[in-house]
Amino acid sequence: MSDIENSDKGREIARSPFVQGNLDAMLRRQKPEVMTEQDKLFVTEYLIDLNATQAWIRAGGNPTNADKVGPRKLKPGSLTSIAIARALAERSKRVGITADRVLMEIARIALGDPRVLFREDGSLRTPTEYTEDDAAMIEGIKTRRIVEVGEDGKMQQAEIQEVKLASKIGALTQLGRHLGLFNDKLEVTVQTPLAQSLDAAFKRTGRQPLVIQGDAEDVTDDTEQERDAAPLTDDELSLRQMLGLE
């Protein structure tokens, strides 16, 4: 084949849909990924409540597939995921939220003594009397106004303060997990596996394990197969002939 024919053949191959399609795909892969304005808005909205689905909807995404597109934006390595990680780190640094501070707050709840919130007569101390460790144990304070009968027999108004403490059990659980005290995974170690026990039983009885093939009706016992395959005695053969089985 001449050089001209080779050149024409090469140009024909280069113009083929297969080659062009692969070249287009390569060019698309080489094109640098950029964040769209909608992606940037998604990052901003996600920082509000850390809900990917709602963030994508608020960013103008289609609500019908937001539960799929939103979480997909959090895929590790994606530009939106990297932008969110950076934004969260910057916000934590800006407001002073660190792992040490969070752990300290959990420890205050888990190890705090609620008795320090009350005076010796049982009355509740005022919030100005609380230390930072004391206040960390309190989830909320509610004041209720009631009407009661006074010592003079007259009706009078009174205030009752109810203090709701943060969950001590929950804080202790989180602290214990941080220290590696609890293991949520159930690990079972069987010294004598069931398969070994069954195998030993079969050996003691001289039987063979069941061979299961296909449906339940196809379950066969090797011992029965061997017994059926054994030659019949004269009495067994005569009985089968009488019954018309032979």
Protein backbone atom coordinates (compact mmCIF):
# COMPACT_ATOMS: atom_id res chain seq x y z
CA MET A 1 0.00 0.00 0.00
CA SER A 2 1.36 3.44 -0.98
CA ASP A 3 2.01 6.31 1.42
CA ILE A 4 -0.91 8.22 -0.06
CA GLU A 5 -3.27 5.34 0.60
CA ASN A 6 -1.93 5.02 4.14
CA SER A 7 -2.45 8.75 4.70
CA ASP A 8 -6.02 8.61 3.40
CA LYS A 9 -6.73 5.57 5.55
CA GLY A 10 -5.35 7.34 8.61
CA ARG A 11 -7.53 10.41 8.02
CA GLU A 12 -10.56 8.18 7.57
CA ILE A 13 -9.90 6.44 10.89
CA ALA A 14 -9.32 9.76 12.65
CA ARG A 15 -12.70 11.02 11.42
CA SER A 16 -14.53 7.90 12.58
CA PRO A 17 -17.19 8.36 15.28
CA PHE A 18 -15.35 6.00 17.63
CA VAL A 19 -12.12 8.01 17.59
CA GLN A 20 -13.88 11.37 17.70
CA GLY A 21 -16.03 10.25 20.60
CA ASN A 22 -13.02 9.13 22.60
CA LEU A 23 -11.14 12.35 21.82
CA ASP A 24 -14.12 14.39 23.01
CA ALA A 25 -14.26 12.37 26.21
CA MET A 26 -10.53 12.92 26.80
CA LEU A 27 -10.91 16.65 26.27
CA ARG A 28 -13.82 16.76 28.69
CA ARG A 29 -11.78 14.96 31.30
CA GLN A 30 -8.89 17.36 30.86
CA LYS A 31 -11.15 20.37 31.23
CA PRO A 32 -10.64 21.79 34.75
CA GLU A 33 -13.62 21.44 37.06
CA VAL A 34 -15.09 24.71 38.26
CA MET A 35 -17.79 25.55 40.76
CA THR A 36 -20.93 27.09 39.37
CA GLU A 37 -22.77 29.93 41.06
CA GLN A 38 -25.37 27.40 42.15
CA ASP A 39 -22.66 25.26 43.73
CA LYS A 40 -21.35 28.28 45.64
CA LEU A 41 -24.86 29.04 46.84
CA PHE A 42 -25.27 25.41 47.86
CA VAL A 43 -22.16 25.65 50.04
CA THR A 44 -23.53 28.78 51.74
CA GLU A 45 -26.92 27.19 52.33
CA TYR A 46 -25.41 23.94 53.58
CA LEU A 47 -23.57 25.78 56.35
CA ILE A 48 -26.91 26.92 57.78
CA ASP A 49 -28.28 23.55 58.90
CA LEU A 50 -25.89 20.95 57.38
CA ASN A 51 -28.80 19.46 55.43
CA ALA A 52 -27.65 18.70 51.89
CA THR A 53 -31.13 18.06 50.49
CA GLN A 54 -32.66 21.29 51.80
CA ALA A 55 -29.52 23.25 50.93
CA TRP A 56 -29.78 22.15 47.28
CA ILE A 57 -33.45 23.14 47.17
CA ARG A 58 -32.71 26.57 48.66
CA ALA A 59 -29.91 26.96 46.14
CA GLY A 60 -32.46 26.64 43.35
CA GLY A 61 -32.14 22.92 42.71
CA ASN A 62 -34.96 20.65 41.58
CA PRO A 63 -36.87 19.44 44.67
CA THR A 64 -37.80 16.15 42.98
CA ASN A 65 -34.22 14.86 42.96
CA ALA A 66 -32.69 17.03 45.66
CA ASP A 67 -32.36 14.01 47.98
CA LYS A 68 -29.93 12.53 45.46
CA VAL A 69 -28.15 15.60 44.06
CA GLY A 70 -27.60 17.26 47.43
CA PRO A 71 -25.77 14.34 49.10
CA ARG A 72 -23.83 13.80 45.86
CA LYS A 73 -22.35 17.27 46.31
CA LEU A 74 -20.76 16.02 49.55
CA LYS A 75 -18.83 13.26 47.78
CA PRO A 76 -15.24 13.29 49.06
CA GLY A 77 -12.90 15.01 46.63
CA SER A 78 -15.58 17.09 44.91
CA LEU A 79 -15.12 20.85 44.74
CA THR A 80 -18.25 21.48 46.78
CA SER A 81 -17.13 19.03 49.46
CA ILE A 82 -13.70 20.69 49.66
CA ALA A 83 -15.28 24.15 49.83
CA ILE A 84 -17.61 23.05 52.63
CA ALA A 85 -14.73 21.53 54.62
CA ARG A 86 -12.75 24.75 54.31
CA ALA A 87 -15.76 26.87 55.30
CA LEU A 88 -16.46 24.73 58.35
CA ALA A 89 -12.82 24.90 59.43
CA GLU A 90 -12.76 28.66 59.02
CA ARG A 91 -16.00 29.05 60.97
CA SER A 92 -14.75 26.83 63.79
CA LYS A 93 -11.57 28.87 63.99
CA ARG A 94 -13.51 32.10 63.90
CA VAL A 95 -15.87 31.21 66.73
CA GLY A 96 -13.29 29.28 68.72
CA ILE A 97 -14.90 25.84 68.45
CA THR A 98 -12.28 23.14 68.79
CA ALA A 99 -12.32 19.44 69.59
CA ASP A 100 -10.82 20.17 73.01
CA ARG A 101 -13.54 22.65 73.85
CA VAL A 102 -16.32 20.28 72.79
CA LEU A 103 -14.78 17.47 74.83
CA MET A 104 -14.49 19.77 77.84
CA GLU A 105 -18.19 20.66 77.65
CA ILE A 106 -19.13 16.98 77.47
CA ALA A 107 -16.93 16.28 80.49
CA ARG A 108 -18.61 19.09 82.46
CA ILE A 109 -22.01 17.50 81.87
CA ALA A 110 -20.83 13.94 82.50
CA LEU A 111 -18.83 14.63 85.66
CA GLY A 112 -20.71 17.59 87.13
CA ASP A 113 -22.49 17.36 90.49
CA PRO A 114 -26.06 18.80 90.37
CA ARG A 115 -26.05 19.41 94.13
CA VAL A 116 -23.95 22.56 93.66
CA LEU A 117 -26.95 24.21 91.98
CA PHE A 118 -28.85 24.37 95.30
CA ARG A 119 -28.32 26.09 98.61
CA GLU A 120 -28.23 24.28 101.93
CA ASP A 121 -31.94 24.93 102.46
CA GLY A 122 -32.77 23.33 99.11
CA SER A 123 -33.53 26.56 97.25
CA LEU A 124 -32.14 27.06 93.80
CA ARG A 125 -29.15 29.32 93.43
CA THR A 126 -29.42 32.29 91.10
CA PRO A 127 -27.68 32.07 87.71
CA THR A 128 -25.15 34.71 88.81
CA GLU A 129 -23.91 32.27 91.45
CA TYR A 130 -23.12 29.54 88.94
CA THR A 131 -19.59 28.81 87.80
CA GLU A 132 -18.92 27.80 84.20
CA ASP A 133 -18.84 24.16 85.26
CA ASP A 134 -22.20 24.56 87.06
CA ALA A 135 -23.89 26.29 84.14
CA ALA A 136 -22.71 23.63 81.68
CA MET A 137 -24.94 21.06 83.39
CA ILE A 138 -28.11 23.11 82.85
CA GLU A 139 -30.04 22.64 79.63
CA GLY A 140 -32.72 25.19 80.52
CA ILE A 141 -34.59 27.00 83.28
CA LYS A 142 -38.36 27.55 83.16
CA THR A 143 -40.27 29.87 85.46
CA ARG A 144 -43.96 29.23 86.20
CA ARG A 145 -46.32 31.56 88.03
CA ILE A 146 -48.93 29.97 90.25
CA VAL A 147 -51.52 31.12 92.77
CA GLU A 148 -51.36 29.64 96.26
CA VAL A 149 -52.75 30.24 99.70
CA GLY A 150 -50.43 32.22 101.98
CA GLU A 151 -49.89 31.84 105.70
CA ASP A 152 -52.55 34.46 106.30
CA GLY A 153 -55.10 32.44 104.34
CA LYS A 154 -55.15 34.83 101.42
CA MET A 155 -54.45 33.96 97.80
CA GLN A 156 -51.11 35.13 96.51
CA GLN A 157 -48.95 34.67 93.46
CA ALA A 158 -45.76 32.66 93.58
CA GLU A 159 -43.04 31.67 91.13
CA ILE A 160 -41.69 28.18 90.64
CA GLN A 161 -38.45 27.62 88.79
CA GLU A 162 -37.86 24.32 87.06
CA VAL A 163 -34.33 23.37 86.07
CA LYS A 164 -33.77 20.88 83.26
CA LEU A 165 -30.38 19.24 83.43
CA ALA A 166 -28.50 17.98 80.39
CA SER A 167 -28.46 14.21 79.95
CA LYS A 168 -25.72 12.85 82.18
CA ILE A 169 -26.05 9.36 80.71
CA GLY A 170 -25.71 10.70 77.16
CA ALA A 171 -22.61 12.71 78.08
CA LEU A 172 -21.03 9.77 79.87
CA THR A 173 -21.71 7.56 76.85
CA GLN A 174 -20.06 10.01 74.47
CA LEU A 175 -17.12 10.45 76.82
CA GLY A 176 -16.75 6.68 77.22
CA ARG A 177 -16.72 6.18 73.45
CA HIS A 178 -14.09 8.87 73.10
CA LEU A 179 -11.93 7.00 75.60
CA GLY A 180 -12.60 3.66 73.88
CA LEU A 181 -14.42 2.17 76.86
CA PHE A 182 -17.41 0.98 74.87
CA ASN A 183 -17.52 -1.24 71.81
CA ASP A 184 -20.76 -1.13 69.82
CA LYS A 185 -19.69 -4.10 67.71
CA LEU A 186 -20.68 -7.55 68.92
CA GLU A 187 -17.79 -9.96 68.60
CA VAL A 188 -18.63 -13.64 69.06
CA THR A 189 -15.88 -16.22 69.34
CA VAL A 190 -17.01 -19.83 69.05
CA GLN A 191 -14.46 -22.29 70.36
CA THR A 192 -16.19 -25.26 68.66
CA PRO A 193 -17.79 -24.17 65.38
CA LEU A 194 -21.07 -25.78 64.44
CA ALA A 195 -19.55 -27.26 61.31
CA GLN A 196 -16.89 -29.05 63.35
CA SER A 197 -19.48 -30.38 65.80
CA LEU A 198 -21.67 -31.71 62.99
CA ASP A 199 -18.69 -33.29 61.29
CA ALA A 200 -17.69 -35.04 64.52
CA ALA A 201 -21.27 -36.29 64.99
CA PHE A 202 -21.40 -37.69 61.47
CA LYS A 203 -18.12 -39.50 62.05
CA ARG A 204 -19.36 -41.02 65.31
CA THR A 205 -22.54 -42.36 63.70
CA GLY A 206 -20.86 -43.45 60.51
CA ARG A 207 -23.21 -41.34 58.41
CA GLN A 208 -22.37 -38.88 55.70
CA PRO A 209 -23.53 -35.24 55.57
CA LEU A 210 -26.63 -34.41 53.57
CA VAL A 211 -25.96 -33.34 50.01
CA ILE A 212 -28.36 -30.54 49.04
CA GLN A 213 -28.84 -29.92 45.35
CA GLY A 214 -31.62 -27.86 43.84
CA ASP A 215 -34.99 -27.72 45.60
CA ALA A 216 -35.93 -29.20 48.94
CA GLU A 217 -37.31 -32.31 47.19
CA ASP A 218 -33.83 -33.00 45.84
CA VAL A 219 -32.26 -33.43 49.29
CA THR A 220 -30.58 -36.82 49.40
CA ASP A 221 -28.71 -38.79 52.00
CA ASP A 222 -25.50 -40.39 50.77
CA THR A 223 -25.98 -43.27 53.21
CA GLU A 224 -29.43 -44.02 51.77
CA GLN A 225 -28.03 -43.84 48.24
CA GLU A 226 -25.32 -46.34 49.14
CA ARG A 227 -27.92 -48.60 50.76
CA ASP A 228 -30.16 -48.44 47.68
CA ALA A 229 -27.21 -49.17 45.44
CA ALA A 230 -26.26 -52.33 47.44
CA PRO A 231 -27.38 -55.69 45.91
CA LEU A 232 -30.67 -57.07 47.24
CA THR A 233 -30.84 -60.29 49.20
CA ASP A 234 -32.92 -63.24 47.93
CA ASP A 235 -35.69 -62.51 50.47
CA GLU A 236 -35.80 -58.82 49.52
CA LEU A 237 -35.88 -59.71 45.83
CA SER A 238 -38.75 -62.19 46.34
CA LEU A 239 -40.74 -59.66 48.33
CA ARG A 240 -40.31 -57.00 45.66
CA GLN A 241 -41.44 -59.49 42.97
CA MET A 242 -44.57 -60.33 45.02
CA LEU A 243 -45.40 -56.64 45.31
CA GLY A 244 -44.87 -56.15 41.60
CA LEU A 245 -41.93 -53.85 42.12
CA GLU A 246 -39.64 -55.93 39.94
